[in-house]
Protein backbone atom coordinates (compact mmCIF):
# COMPACT_ATOMS: atom_id res chain seq x y z
CA MET A 1 0.00 0.00 0.00
CA ARG A 2 1.07 3.58 -0.51
CA CYS A 3 1.53 5.13 2.92
CA LEU A 4 1.93 8.86 3.57
CA SER A 5 2.92 10.84 6.64
CA GLY A 6 4.09 14.37 7.36
CA ILE A 7 6.19 15.88 10.14
CA GLN A 8 5.88 19.56 11.04
CA PRO A 9 9.27 21.26 11.52
CA THR A 10 8.18 23.28 14.55
CA GLY A 11 10.79 22.02 17.01
CA ARG A 12 12.97 19.09 17.93
CA PRO A 13 11.29 15.69 18.48
CA HIS A 14 10.91 14.27 21.97
CA TRP A 15 10.32 10.81 23.42
CA GLY A 16 6.56 11.20 23.05
CA ASN A 17 6.87 12.00 19.33
CA TYR A 18 9.06 8.98 18.76
CA PHE A 19 7.07 6.32 20.60
CA GLY A 20 3.69 7.82 19.72
CA ALA A 21 4.30 8.25 16.01
CA ILE A 22 7.77 8.33 14.43
CA ARG A 23 8.72 4.77 15.39
CA GLN A 24 5.57 3.51 13.73
CA TYR A 25 6.15 5.60 10.60
CA ILE A 26 9.57 3.99 10.27
CA ARG A 27 8.16 0.49 10.70
CA LEU A 28 5.53 1.06 8.01
CA GLN A 29 8.18 1.67 5.35
CA LYS A 30 9.17 -2.02 5.43
CA ASP A 31 5.94 -3.35 3.94
CA ASN A 32 4.50 -0.26 2.24
CA GLN A 33 5.46 2.29 -0.37
CA GLY A 34 6.20 5.18 1.97
CA PHE A 35 6.02 8.89 1.21
CA TYR A 36 7.28 11.04 4.10
CA PHE A 37 7.34 14.82 3.91
CA ILE A 38 8.50 17.68 6.08
CA ALA A 39 5.50 19.99 6.31
CA ASP A 40 7.15 23.41 6.11
CA LEU A 41 4.06 25.03 4.54
CA HIS A 42 1.97 23.92 7.51
CA ALA A 43 4.65 25.22 9.87
CA LEU A 44 4.24 28.75 8.48
CA THR A 45 1.09 29.08 10.59
CA THR A 46 3.29 29.14 13.72
CA VAL A 47 6.94 29.72 12.74
CA ARG A 48 7.52 33.34 11.77
CA ASP A 49 11.30 33.40 11.37
CA ALA A 50 12.88 32.33 8.07
CA ALA A 51 16.19 31.12 9.49
CA THR A 52 14.39 29.10 12.17
CA LEU A 53 12.11 27.41 9.64
CA ARG A 54 15.04 26.51 7.38
CA GLN A 55 17.02 25.05 10.27
CA ASN A 56 14.02 23.19 11.65
CA THR A 57 13.37 21.70 8.21
CA LEU A 58 16.95 20.46 7.93
CA ASP A 59 16.87 19.17 11.51
CA SER A 60 13.70 17.22 10.76
CA ALA A 61 15.37 15.53 7.80
CA LEU A 62 18.42 14.69 9.93
CA ASP A 63 16.22 13.34 12.72
CA LEU A 64 14.13 11.10 10.45
CA LEU A 65 17.15 9.70 8.65
CA ALA A 66 18.98 9.11 11.92
CA LEU A 67 15.98 7.33 13.43
CA GLY A 68 15.81 4.85 10.58
CA LEU A 69 13.96 6.27 7.60
CA ASP A 70 15.60 4.57 4.64
CA PRO A 71 15.58 6.44 1.29
CA ARG A 72 15.89 3.05 -0.46
CA HIS A 73 12.46 2.10 0.82
CA ALA A 74 10.73 5.45 1.34
CA THR A 75 10.50 8.82 -0.36
CA LEU A 76 11.57 11.75 1.84
CA PHE A 77 10.96 15.30 0.67
CA VAL A 78 10.06 18.84 1.73
CA GLN A 79 6.44 19.84 1.25
CA SER A 80 7.13 23.23 -0.37
CA ALA A 81 9.26 21.56 -3.08
CA ILE A 82 6.06 20.15 -4.59
CA PRO A 83 4.14 23.11 -6.14
CA GLU A 84 1.50 20.71 -7.46
CA VAL A 85 0.21 20.39 -3.89
CA THR A 86 -0.55 24.09 -3.53
CA GLU A 87 -2.31 24.14 -6.92
CA LEU A 88 -4.36 21.13 -5.88
CA THR A 89 -5.19 22.89 -2.61
CA TRP A 90 -6.92 25.70 -4.49
CA ILE A 91 -8.92 23.29 -6.64
CA LEU A 92 -10.11 21.50 -3.51
CA MET A 93 -10.86 24.82 -1.78
CA THR A 94 -13.38 25.71 -4.46
CA GLY A 95 -15.56 22.81 -3.37
CA THR A 96 -14.97 22.91 0.38
CA PRO A 97 -17.96 24.01 2.50
CA MET A 98 -17.16 26.76 5.00
CA GLY A 99 -19.12 24.90 7.66
CA LEU A 100 -16.87 21.87 7.30
CA LEU A 101 -13.77 23.93 8.07
CA GLU A 102 -15.50 25.80 10.89
CA ARG A 103 -16.09 22.47 12.62
CA CYS A 104 -12.44 21.40 12.47
CA HIS A 105 -11.06 21.25 15.97
CA ALA A 106 -7.80 23.22 15.53
CA TYR A 107 -9.66 26.31 14.33
CA LYS A 108 -12.67 25.80 16.60
CA ASP A 109 -10.53 25.32 19.73
CA LYS A 110 -8.53 28.46 19.06
CA LYS A 111 -11.67 30.53 18.53
CA ALA A 112 -13.21 29.08 21.69
CA LYS A 113 -10.23 30.34 23.66
CA GLY A 114 -10.76 33.84 22.28
CA LEU A 115 -7.55 33.70 20.24
CA SER A 116 -7.22 35.13 16.75
CA ALA A 117 -6.98 32.61 13.94
CA ASP A 118 -5.56 33.31 10.51
CA ALA A 119 -6.74 31.95 7.16
CA GLY A 120 -3.85 29.50 7.13
CA LEU A 121 -5.14 27.76 10.22
CA PHE A 122 -8.69 27.83 8.86
CA ALA A 123 -7.69 26.26 5.54
CA TYR A 124 -5.13 23.91 7.11
CA PRO A 125 -7.31 20.79 6.59
CA VAL A 126 -7.59 21.48 2.85
CA LEU A 127 -3.82 21.71 2.45
CA MET A 128 -3.56 18.48 4.42
CA ALA A 129 -6.11 16.91 2.08
CA ALA A 130 -4.03 17.98 -0.91
CA ASP A 131 -0.93 16.50 0.73
CA ILE A 132 -2.69 13.16 1.00
CA LEU A 133 -4.55 13.07 -2.31
CA ALA A 134 -1.62 14.29 -4.42
CA TYR A 135 0.21 10.98 -4.03
CA ASP A 136 -2.74 8.58 -4.38
CA SER A 137 -2.18 7.72 -0.74
CA GLN A 138 -4.05 4.69 0.51
CA LEU A 139 -3.01 4.65 4.16
CA VAL A 140 -2.36 7.62 6.43
CA PRO A 141 -1.05 6.88 9.94
CA VAL A 142 -2.24 9.56 12.37
CA GLY A 143 -2.85 10.15 16.03
CA GLN A 144 -6.41 10.18 17.30
CA ASP A 145 -6.45 14.00 17.26
CA GLN A 146 -5.79 13.99 13.49
CA VAL A 147 -8.44 11.47 12.46
CA GLN A 148 -10.89 14.32 11.78
CA HIS A 149 -8.57 15.70 9.12
CA ILE A 150 -8.52 12.36 7.32
CA GLU A 151 -12.32 12.36 7.41
CA VAL A 152 -12.28 15.83 5.84
CA THR A 153 -9.93 14.54 3.15
CA ARG A 154 -12.24 11.63 2.42
CA ASP A 155 -15.27 13.95 2.25
CA LEU A 156 -13.55 16.27 -0.22
CA ALA A 157 -12.31 13.41 -2.38
CA VAL A 158 -15.69 11.70 -2.48
CA ALA A 159 -17.44 14.97 -3.36
CA PHE A 160 -14.96 15.72 -6.15
CA ASN A 161 -15.28 12.22 -7.56
CA HIS A 162 -19.07 12.56 -7.45
CA HIS A 163 -19.04 15.80 -9.47
CA PHE A 164 -16.20 15.08 -11.91
CA GLY A 165 -15.76 11.33 -12.07
CA GLU A 166 -13.23 9.00 -10.48
CA THR A 167 -10.20 11.17 -9.76
CA PHE A 168 -8.86 10.61 -6.27
CA VAL A 169 -7.99 7.51 -4.32
CA ILE A 170 -10.01 7.52 -1.09
CA PRO A 171 -7.48 7.17 1.76
CA LYS A 172 -7.94 5.36 5.04
CA ALA A 173 -6.66 6.50 8.41
CA GLN A 174 -4.56 4.15 10.49
CA THR A 175 -4.79 5.30 14.08
CA LEU A 176 -1.37 5.06 15.64
CA ASP A 177 -0.83 2.81 18.61
CA VAL A 178 -0.28 5.39 21.32
CA GLY A 179 -0.88 2.80 24.03
CA ALA A 180 2.61 3.69 25.09
CA LYS A 181 1.26 7.01 26.27
CA VAL A 182 4.56 8.60 27.17
CA PRO A 183 4.35 10.44 30.50
CA GLY A 184 5.98 13.83 30.82
CA THR A 185 8.58 15.02 33.26
CA ASP A 186 5.90 16.74 35.36
CA GLY A 187 4.58 13.34 36.40
CA VAL A 188 1.00 14.36 35.57
CA ASN A 189 0.45 14.95 31.85
CA LYS A 190 1.48 13.10 28.73
CA MET A 191 4.75 14.29 27.24
CA SER A 192 3.97 17.32 25.07
CA LYS A 193 5.54 20.62 24.07
CA SER A 194 2.28 22.21 25.15
CA TYR A 195 3.00 21.21 28.75
CA ASP A 196 6.75 21.95 28.56
CA ASN A 197 7.47 18.51 30.02
CA THR A 198 9.45 16.83 27.25
CA LEU A 199 12.73 14.93 26.96
CA PRO A 200 14.54 15.37 23.62
CA LEU A 201 15.70 12.51 21.43
CA PHE A 202 18.91 14.28 20.51
CA GLY A 203 21.18 16.66 22.34
CA ASP A 204 23.75 16.75 25.11
CA GLU A 205 23.41 13.51 27.09
CA LYS A 206 24.48 15.17 30.33
CA LYS A 207 21.74 17.78 30.02
CA ILE A 208 19.15 15.15 29.15
CA ARG A 209 20.25 13.06 32.15
CA LYS A 210 19.84 16.09 34.41
CA GLN A 211 16.30 16.55 33.07
CA ILE A 212 15.55 12.90 33.82
CA MET A 213 16.86 13.26 37.36
CA ARG A 214 14.51 16.22 37.88
CA ILE A 215 11.37 14.26 36.90
CA THR A 216 8.63 14.93 39.45
CA THR A 217 7.83 12.02 41.81
CA ASP A 218 5.68 11.47 44.89
CA SER A 219 6.93 11.51 48.49
CA ARG A 220 6.39 7.88 49.48
CA PRO A 221 9.13 6.52 51.80
CA MET A 222 11.87 4.37 50.25
CA GLU A 223 10.87 1.29 52.23
CA ASP A 224 7.28 1.29 50.95
CA ALA A 225 6.21 -1.12 48.23
CA LYS A 226 4.92 0.69 45.14
CA ASP A 227 2.49 -0.25 42.40
CA PRO A 228 4.37 -0.03 39.07
CA THR A 229 1.24 -0.08 36.90
CA ASP A 230 0.44 3.61 37.40
CA ASP A 231 3.94 4.91 38.06
CA HIS A 232 5.25 7.25 35.35
CA LEU A 233 8.92 6.40 35.96
CA PHE A 234 8.19 2.72 35.50
CA GLN A 235 6.25 3.52 32.32
CA LEU A 236 9.26 5.40 30.97
CA TYR A 237 11.61 2.59 31.93
CA GLN A 238 9.63 -0.08 30.11
CA LEU A 239 9.80 1.91 26.88
CA PHE A 240 13.52 1.13 26.69
CA ALA A 241 14.36 -1.94 28.79
CA ASP A 242 14.02 -5.55 27.65
CA ASP A 243 11.44 -7.91 29.15
CA GLU A 244 13.77 -9.37 31.75
CA LYS A 245 14.87 -5.98 33.04
CA VAL A 246 11.26 -4.81 33.17
CA ARG A 247 10.36 -7.91 35.19
CA GLN A 248 13.17 -7.22 37.65
CA MET A 249 12.17 -3.58 37.99
CA ARG A 250 8.54 -4.60 38.62
CA GLU A 251 9.66 -6.93 41.41
CA LEU A 252 11.73 -4.13 42.92
CA TYR A 253 8.68 -1.86 42.99
CA LEU A 254 6.53 -4.50 44.64
CA ARG A 255 9.24 -5.29 47.19
CA GLY A 256 10.08 -1.68 48.08
CA GLY A 257 13.28 -0.52 49.67
CA PHE A 258 14.51 1.69 46.85
CA GLY A 259 14.59 5.37 45.97
CA TYR A 260 13.20 7.01 42.87
CA GLY A 261 16.69 8.27 42.11
CA ASP A 262 17.71 4.69 41.36
CA VAL A 263 14.89 4.34 38.84
CA LYS A 264 15.76 7.65 37.22
CA LYS A 265 19.35 6.50 36.75
CA ALA A 266 18.10 3.28 35.20
CA VAL A 267 15.81 5.25 32.83
CA ALA A 268 18.76 7.44 31.83
CA GLU A 269 21.06 4.48 31.18
CA GLU A 270 18.49 2.49 29.19
CA SER A 271 17.40 5.48 27.11
CA GLU A 272 20.99 6.41 26.30
CA ALA A 273 21.67 2.87 25.11
CA TYR A 274 18.40 2.77 23.15
CA PHE A 275 19.11 5.96 21.17
CA ALA A 276 22.92 5.53 20.96
CA ALA A 277 22.93 4.28 17.36
CA ALA A 278 20.54 7.01 16.19
CA ARG A 279 22.60 9.71 17.90
CA ALA A 280 25.81 8.41 16.31
CA LYS A 281 24.12 8.29 12.90
CA ARG A 282 22.84 11.84 13.29
CA ILE A 283 26.35 13.12 14.01
CA ASP A 284 27.57 11.33 10.89
CA LEU A 285 24.78 12.85 8.83
CA GLU A 286 25.65 16.33 10.11
CA ASN A 287 29.10 15.77 8.61
CA HIS A 288 27.61 14.69 5.27
CA LEU A 289 24.95 17.33 4.59
CA ASP A 290 25.43 16.96 0.83
CA TYR A 291 23.95 13.48 1.15
CA VAL A 292 20.99 14.82 3.15
CA HIS A 293 20.25 17.57 0.64
CA GLN A 294 20.58 15.15 -2.28
CA THR A 295 18.20 12.74 -0.54
CA LEU A 296 15.63 15.54 -0.25
CA ARG A 297 16.12 16.54 -3.90
CA ASP A 298 15.75 12.95 -5.09
CA GLY A 299 12.65 12.57 -2.92
CA ALA A 300 11.13 15.75 -4.33
CA THR A 301 11.75 14.56 -7.89
CA ARG A 302 9.97 11.28 -7.18
CA ALA A 303 7.12 13.00 -5.30
CA ARG A 304 6.60 15.54 -8.10
CA GLU A 305 6.33 12.78 -10.68
CA VAL A 306 3.45 11.24 -8.77
CA ALA A 307 1.80 14.54 -7.83
CA ALA A 308 2.00 15.80 -11.43
CA GLU A 309 0.08 12.74 -12.65
CA VAL A 310 -2.62 13.21 -10.03
CA LEU A 311 -2.91 16.94 -10.68
CA SER A 312 -3.12 16.40 -14.44
CA ARG A 313 -5.92 13.87 -13.92
CA CYS A 314 -7.70 16.25 -11.58
CA LYS A 315 -7.45 19.25 -13.93
CA SER A 316 -8.56 17.26 -16.93
CA ASN A 317 -11.58 15.87 -15.11
CA CYS A 318 -12.79 19.23 -13.80
CA GLY A 319 -12.29 21.11 -17.08
CA LEU A 320 -9.07 23.06 -16.51
CA MET A 321 -6.88 23.38 -19.61
C-alpha cells in the first residue's frame, strides 16, 4: 500500500513524538510504499522566522534519517518543493464548504479560547487533504487527534469524484498505537511541548540526564512497596528496557526498599543505550549534509512525478486546460 505521513518542523522531536508516532512511521516503510514529507508550509502558521524554519526543516530531515527512515524504501521530501500540492489545494478549496472547516477542531478550539486565527489555520485541513490526495495515498497513519482531518480529506475526495468522475484515491486513516502514552517530566500529563514537560531525542546527554533526574515524583518513603502499573517512571523505563529488566524492575517496585533516584538513573542508562545508534548516525549525517540535501532533492523529484500525474488527472476531469 502507498503510505503517507508528514512531520511539522516546529521544534525538535521528543520521546513522546518517537514512541507515539515516528517509530511507527519507520516500521511502516518495510511493507509499504512510503512517502514522508516535512510539512514546512503547515509550519508557516506558527513559525515566523525564516532562518528558524530553514534550520528546523533540515533538523527534521536529519532526525528522520537518523531514526531509521531509509531512502531506499521510502521517499523523503520537503512539502514546499512540490508546487502541485498548492495548486491542488486551491482546486479543492473551491468545493470545500465553509461549515466543514469551521467544525475542524484546531480552528474551533482556538476561537473558543478567544484567540485570533488566521486563514492558514482555517484552511489547514484542505492543504492536508491535498498533501494526501496528491500521491494517491491509501493509508495515512495519524494520532487520534488527526483522524478528523482524514475524514475531511475523504469527504472532499468523495465529493470531487461525485461531481467530476473518479479522480482521487479515497485514503484510510490508520490510528497510531499510542498505548505507550509517554508520561511527561511533570509526572502528571502526557509528554507534550504544550505542557513543557518533554525529553529530547537528541542533544547533550548530560543535560538530558539532568532533566531525567529532575522528573517529578511522589513523596512515598523508600521502604514502601509501590504499584508499578500507574507509576510514570516505571512507564518510561519499560519503553527502553528488555522484558527481563522490566520484570526485575517490577519486582523491585513490589518489594520496596529503593529510591526514585535509582529508577531515574536506570531510565537514563536504558534510554541512552536505546538511542545511541541514532545519535551516532545523526552526528555522521551532520558531517555529510550533501547526502541529506541530495536525498531531499531525489525525494522531491519522485514526489513531483506522482503529484503531477494526479494533478493532471484532476485538472482534466474538472475542465481546466
